[in-house]
C-alpha atoms as a PDB file:
ATOM      1  CA  MET A   1     -22.093 142.496 -94.135  1.00  0.00           C
ATOM      2  CA  SER A   2     -18.373 142.456 -93.317  1.00  0.00           C
ATOM      3  CA  ARG A   3     -16.214 139.578 -94.334  1.00  0.00           C
ATOM      4  CA  ILE A   4     -13.999 137.773 -91.760  1.00  0.00           C
ATOM      5  CA  PRO A   5     -10.337 137.715 -92.817  1.00  0.00           C
ATOM      6  CA  ARG A   6      -9.148 134.260 -93.939  1.00  0.00           C
ATOM      7  CA  PRO A   7      -6.244 134.054 -91.412  1.00  0.00           C
ATOM      8  CA  LEU A   8      -8.731 134.635 -88.584  1.00  0.00           C
ATOM      9  CA  VAL A   9     -11.072 131.951 -89.928  1.00  0.00           C
ATOM     10  CA  THR A  10      -8.150 129.525 -90.179  1.00  0.00           C
ATOM     11  CA  THR A  11      -7.015 130.273 -86.631  1.00  0.00           C
ATOM     12  CA  LEU A  12     -10.526 129.935 -85.200  1.00  0.00           C
ATOM     13  CA  SER A  13     -11.093 126.691 -87.102  1.00  0.00           C
ATOM     14  CA  THR A  14      -7.817 125.253 -85.807  1.00  0.00           C
ATOM     15  CA  LEU A  15      -8.765 126.214 -82.233  1.00  0.00           C
ATOM     16  CA  ALA A  16     -12.200 124.632 -82.606  1.00  0.00           C
ATOM     17  CA  LEU A  17     -10.687 121.419 -83.941  1.00  0.00           C
ATOM     18  CA  ALA A  18      -8.121 121.362 -81.112  1.00  0.00           C
ATOM     19  CA  ALA A  19     -10.916 121.776 -78.561  1.00  0.00           C
ATOM     20  CA  ALA A  20     -12.604 118.768 -80.129  1.00  0.00           C
ATOM     21  CA  GLY A  21      -9.417 116.701 -79.820  1.00  0.00           C
ATOM     22  CA  LEU A  22      -8.469 117.001 -83.477  1.00  0.00           C
ATOM     23  CA  THR A  23      -5.336 118.318 -85.124  1.00  0.00           C
ATOM     24  CA  VAL A  24      -4.801 119.793 -88.559  1.00  0.00           C
ATOM     25  CA  THR A  25      -1.951 118.487 -90.647  1.00  0.00           C
ATOM     26  CA  THR A  26      -1.588 118.918 -94.393  1.00  0.00           C
ATOM     27  CA  GLY A  27      -5.149 120.129 -94.691  1.00  0.00           C
ATOM     28  CA  THR A  28      -6.936 117.252 -92.950  1.00  0.00           C
ATOM     29  CA  ALA A  29      -8.104 116.724 -89.388  1.00  0.00           C
ATOM     30  CA  HIS A  30      -6.720 113.792 -87.391  1.00  0.00           C
ATOM     31  CA  ALA A  31      -7.958 112.596 -84.024  1.00  0.00           C
ATOM     32  CA  ALA A  32      -5.447 113.049 -81.241  1.00  0.00           C
ATOM     33  CA  SER A  33      -5.112 109.779 -79.368  1.00  0.00           C
ATOM     34  CA  CYS A  34      -3.584 111.314 -76.216  1.00  0.00           C
ATOM     35  CA  SER A  35      -5.082 114.074 -74.104  1.00  0.00           C
ATOM     36  CA  GLN A  36      -3.408 117.332 -73.113  1.00  0.00           C
ATOM     37  CA  GLY A  37      -5.917 117.585 -70.283  1.00  0.00           C
ATOM     38  CA  TYR A  38      -3.447 116.121 -67.785  1.00  0.00           C
ATOM     39  CA  LEU A  39      -0.720 118.721 -68.338  1.00  0.00           C
ATOM     40  CA  PRO A  40       1.780 119.205 -66.789  1.00  0.00           C
ATOM     41  CA  LEU A  41       1.575 115.405 -66.533  1.00  0.00           C
ATOM     42  CA  PRO A  42       1.373 113.057 -69.500  1.00  0.00           C
ATOM     43  CA  ASP A  43      -1.858 111.285 -70.394  1.00  0.00           C
ATOM     44  CA  PRO A  44      -1.702 108.096 -68.277  1.00  0.00           C
ATOM     45  CA  SER A  45      -3.356 106.026 -71.001  1.00  0.00           C
ATOM     46  CA  CYS A  46      -0.558 106.947 -73.426  1.00  0.00           C
ATOM     47  CA  THR A  47       2.368 107.405 -71.039  1.00  0.00           C
ATOM     48  CA  PRO A  48       1.781 105.427 -67.832  1.00  0.00           C
ATOM     49  CA  GLY A  49       5.497 105.153 -67.083  1.00  0.00           C
ATOM     50  CA  ALA A  50       7.742 102.107 -67.269  1.00  0.00           C
ATOM     51  CA  LEU A  51      10.633 100.914 -65.139  1.00  0.00           C
ATOM     52  CA  ASN A  52      14.070  99.589 -65.975  1.00  0.00           C
ATOM     53  CA  PRO A  53      14.224  96.070 -64.459  1.00  0.00           C
ATOM     54  CA  ASP A  54      17.990  96.479 -63.939  1.00  0.00           C
ATOM     55  CA  VAL A  55      17.400  99.251 -61.383  1.00  0.00           C
ATOM     56  CA  THR A  56      16.196  98.059 -57.992  1.00  0.00           C
ATOM     57  CA  GLN A  57      16.799  99.136 -54.408  1.00  0.00           C
ATOM     58  CA  ASP A  58      19.554  96.505 -54.283  1.00  0.00           C
ATOM     59  CA  THR A  59      21.302  97.775 -57.436  1.00  0.00           C
ATOM     60  CA  ILE A  60      21.181 101.556 -56.936  1.00  0.00           C
ATOM     61  CA  GLY A  61      24.819 101.548 -55.771  1.00  0.00           C
ATOM     62  CA  SER A  62      25.916 100.237 -59.170  1.00  0.00           C
ATOM     63  CA  THR A  63      23.324 102.019 -61.307  1.00  0.00           C
ATOM     64  CA  ILE A  64      21.563 105.318 -60.607  1.00  0.00           C
ATOM     65  CA  CYS A  65      23.843 106.392 -57.749  1.00  0.00           C
ATOM     66  CA  VAL A  66      26.950 106.114 -59.944  1.00  0.00           C
ATOM     67  CA  SER A  67      27.883 109.442 -61.515  1.00  0.00           C
ATOM     68  CA  GLY A  68      27.391 109.265 -65.290  1.00  0.00           C
ATOM     69  CA  TRP A  69      25.388 106.032 -65.228  1.00  0.00           C
ATOM     70  CA  THR A  70      22.365 107.516 -67.041  1.00  0.00           C
ATOM     71  CA  ALA A  71      24.575 108.321 -70.043  1.00  0.00           C
ATOM     72  CA  THR A  72      25.152 104.576 -70.449  1.00  0.00           C
ATOM     73  CA  VAL A  73      21.430 103.873 -70.884  1.00  0.00           C
ATOM     74  CA  ARG A  74      20.106 107.089 -72.463  1.00  0.00           C
ATOM     75  CA  PRO A  75      18.740 106.430 -75.971  1.00  0.00           C
ATOM     76  CA  PRO A  76      20.269 108.373 -78.872  1.00  0.00           C
ATOM     77  CA  SER A  77      18.627 111.606 -79.997  1.00  0.00           C
ATOM     78  CA  SER A  78      17.857 110.001 -83.377  1.00  0.00           C
ATOM     79  CA  TYR A  79      15.482 107.665 -81.527  1.00  0.00           C
ATOM     80  CA  THR A  80      13.947 110.256 -79.205  1.00  0.00           C
ATOM     81  CA  THR A  81      13.515 112.937 -81.890  1.00  0.00           C
ATOM     82  CA  ALA A  82      11.648 110.557 -84.200  1.00  0.00           C
ATOM     83  CA  LEU A  83       9.459 109.462 -81.295  1.00  0.00           C
ATOM     84  CA  LYS A  84       8.880 113.084 -80.238  1.00  0.00           C
ATOM     85  CA  LYS A  85       7.599 113.998 -83.724  1.00  0.00           C
ATOM     86  CA  LYS A  86       5.183 111.073 -83.673  1.00  0.00           C
ATOM     87  CA  GLN A  87       3.969 111.789 -80.150  1.00  0.00           C
ATOM     88  CA  ILE A  88       3.486 115.539 -80.753  1.00  0.00           C
ATOM     89  CA  VAL A  89       0.841 114.485 -83.288  1.00  0.00           C
ATOM     90  CA  GLU A  90      -0.621 111.849 -80.928  1.00  0.00           C
ATOM     91  CA  TYR A  91      -0.965 114.456 -78.173  1.00  0.00           C
ATOM     92  CA  GLY A  92      -2.609 116.846 -80.631  1.00  0.00           C
ATOM     93  CA  TYR A  93      -0.322 119.772 -79.888  1.00  0.00           C
ATOM     94  CA  SER A  94      -1.060 122.681 -82.227  1.00  0.00           C
ATOM     95  CA  ASP A  95       2.569 123.814 -81.816  1.00  0.00           C
ATOM     96  CA  THR A  96       4.529 121.193 -83.742  1.00  0.00           C
ATOM     97  CA  ASN A  97       7.957 122.819 -83.336  1.00  0.00           C
ATOM     98  CA  VAL A  98      10.039 119.974 -81.855  1.00  0.00           C
ATOM     99  CA  SER A  99      12.339 122.434 -80.063  1.00  0.00           C
ATOM    100  CA  ASP A 100       9.376 123.515 -77.895  1.00  0.00           C
ATOM    101  CA  TYR A 101       9.285 120.060 -76.270  1.00  0.00           C
ATOM    102  CA  GLU A 102      11.579 117.752 -74.368  1.00  0.00           C
ATOM    103  CA  GLU A 103      11.119 114.068 -75.136  1.00  0.00           C
ATOM    104  CA  ASP A 104      11.054 113.295 -71.458  1.00  0.00           C
ATOM    105  CA  HIS A 105      11.215 110.102 -69.465  1.00  0.00           C
ATOM    106  CA  PHE A 106       8.101 110.186 -67.269  1.00  0.00           C
ATOM    107  CA  VAL A 107       9.950 108.031 -64.739  1.00  0.00           C
ATOM    108  CA  PRO A 108      13.392 109.596 -65.136  1.00  0.00           C
ATOM    109  CA  LEU A 109      16.464 107.530 -65.872  1.00  0.00           C
ATOM    110  CA  GLU A 110      17.824 108.908 -62.577  1.00  0.00           C
ATOM    111  CA  LEU A 111      15.077 106.969 -60.785  1.00  0.00           C
ATOM    112  CA  GLY A 112      15.208 103.791 -62.850  1.00  0.00           C
ATOM    113  CA  GLY A 113      12.847 104.669 -65.679  1.00  0.00           C
ATOM    114  CA  ALA A 114      12.852 102.489 -68.786  1.00  0.00           C
ATOM    115  CA  PRO A 115      15.165 104.173 -71.315  1.00  0.00           C
ATOM    116  CA  ARG A 116      13.438 103.291 -74.623  1.00  0.00           C
ATOM    117  CA  SER A 117       9.880 102.409 -73.675  1.00  0.00           C
ATOM    118  CA  GLU A 118       7.234 104.486 -75.451  1.00  0.00           C
ATOM    119  CA  GLU A 119       5.188 104.045 -72.264  1.00  0.00           C
ATOM    120  CA  ASN A 120       7.850 106.087 -70.462  1.00  0.00           C
ATOM    121  CA  LEU A 121       8.637 108.785 -73.050  1.00  0.00           C
ATOM    122  CA  TRP A 122       6.462 111.747 -73.969  1.00  0.00           C
ATOM    123  CA  PRO A 123       6.765 115.226 -75.536  1.00  0.00           C
ATOM    124  CA  GLU A 124       6.787 117.459 -72.443  1.00  0.00           C
ATOM    125  CA  PRO A 125       6.255 121.156 -73.267  1.00  0.00           C
ATOM    126  CA  HIS A 126       8.947 123.674 -72.332  1.00  0.00           C
ATOM    127  CA  TYR A 127       6.164 126.196 -71.716  1.00  0.00           C
ATOM    128  CA  GLY A 128       3.288 126.475 -69.245  1.00  0.00           C
ATOM    129  CA  ASP A 129       2.859 126.808 -65.489  1.00  0.00           C
ATOM    130  CA  GLU A 130       4.895 123.689 -64.710  1.00  0.00           C
ATOM    131  CA  ALA A 131       7.459 123.480 -67.513  1.00  0.00           C
ATOM    132  CA  SER A 132       9.911 120.659 -68.156  1.00  0.00           C
ATOM    133  CA  SER A 133      12.749 122.475 -66.369  1.00  0.00           C
ATOM    134  CA  GLY A 134      10.804 122.281 -63.098  1.00  0.00           C
ATOM    135  CA  LYS A 135      10.494 118.505 -63.403  1.00  0.00           C
ATOM    136  CA  ASP A 136      14.266 118.220 -63.834  1.00  0.00           C
ATOM    137  CA  THR A 137      14.796 119.884 -60.444  1.00  0.00           C
ATOM    138  CA  VAL A 138      12.370 117.446 -58.792  1.00  0.00           C
ATOM    139  CA  GLU A 139      14.102 114.478 -60.437  1.00  0.00           C
ATOM    140  CA  ASN A 140      17.518 115.541 -59.158  1.00  0.00           C
ATOM    141  CA  LYS A 141      16.266 116.073 -55.602  1.00  0.00           C
ATOM    142  CA  LEU A 142      14.545 112.683 -55.592  1.00  0.00           C
ATOM    143  CA  LYS A 143      17.665 110.937 -56.869  1.00  0.00           C
ATOM    144  CA  LYS A 144      19.751 112.577 -54.134  1.00  0.00           C
ATOM    145  CA  ALA A 145      17.251 111.456 -51.501  1.00  0.00           C
ATOM    146  CA  VAL A 146      17.224 107.881 -52.835  1.00  0.00           C
ATOM    147  CA  CYS A 147      21.019 107.677 -53.002  1.00  0.00           C
ATOM    148  CA  ALA A 148      21.322 109.174 -49.484  1.00  0.00           C
ATOM    149  CA  GLY A 149      18.922 106.539 -48.162  1.00  0.00           C
ATOM    150  CA  ASP A 150      16.321 109.120 -47.146  1.00  0.00           C
ATOM    151  CA  VAL A 151      13.651 107.717 -49.494  1.00  0.00           C
ATOM    152  CA  SER A 152      13.249 104.262 -51.022  1.00  0.00           C
ATOM    153  CA  LEU A 153      13.519 103.901 -54.783  1.00  0.00           C
ATOM    154  CA  THR A 154       9.957 102.572 -54.996  1.00  0.00           C
ATOM    155  CA  ASP A 155       8.552 105.493 -52.992  1.00  0.00           C
ATOM    156  CA  ALA A 156      10.359 108.005 -55.229  1.00  0.00           C
ATOM    157  CA  GLN A 157       9.150 106.250 -58.390  1.00  0.00           C
ATOM    158  CA  ASN A 158       5.560 106.126 -57.124  1.00  0.00           C
ATOM    159  CA  ALA A 159       5.626 109.786 -56.077  1.00  0.00           C
ATOM    160  CA  ILE A 160       6.857 111.001 -59.463  1.00  0.00           C
ATOM    161  CA  MET A 161       4.378 108.790 -61.349  1.00  0.00           C
ATOM    162  CA  THR A 162       1.498 110.006 -59.176  1.00  0.00           C
ATOM    163  CA  ASP A 163       2.266 113.703 -59.701  1.00  0.00           C
ATOM    164  CA  TRP A 164       5.751 115.126 -60.161  1.00  0.00           C
ATOM    165  CA  THR A 165       4.532 118.579 -59.087  1.00  0.00           C
ATOM    166  CA  THR A 166       3.776 117.263 -55.582  1.00  0.00           C
ATOM    167  CA  ALA A 167       6.344 114.438 -55.380  1.00  0.00           C
ATOM    168  CA  LEU A 168       8.754 116.271 -53.083  1.00  0.00           C
ATOM    169  CA  SER A 169       6.114 117.433 -50.625  1.00  0.00           C
ATOM    170  CA  SER A 170       4.385 114.029 -50.596  1.00  0.00           C
ATOM    171  CA  LEU A 171       7.677 112.493 -49.454  1.00  0.00           C
ATOM    172  CA  GLY A 172       8.438 115.229 -46.925  1.00  0.00           C
ATOM    173  CA  LEU A 173      11.232 116.715 -49.028  1.00  0.00           C
ATOM    174  CA  SER A 174      11.648 120.327 -50.093  1.00  0.00           C
END
């Protein structure tokens, strides 16, 4: 009887554990508390989105529609990198290379998302059918539409929280 090479056994075991919602770290299996099943969206039970109370339809002229405003509320990378490492484990990603993810605001700062809320930040993969770079394009178009008065802030926030991949079309934007 032929023997299966150890690297293949390890790879197959890791895949089986991942399929069961478990991750392997330092030789033990840990349950992932967030599901990857919603990708390219975050798991709504872990990352439902959260809003910045300072950003409303009445304040967009002094907040999100001011060039450079998001830099004034963006959390430091020391905060987001530490959170990203923690959430990569919570989401059960087998790829734990932090550079393969963007610690993304589900409701973007450009649309009044809460800057530091763990309910609004998640490790969004740079890879896949709908990668993080595609979401950035949607965010920018939605912000332009809100600031031009073509779409209300609330409608843009709801559209991106419902499904960023269809947010533009659901609002009649392209």
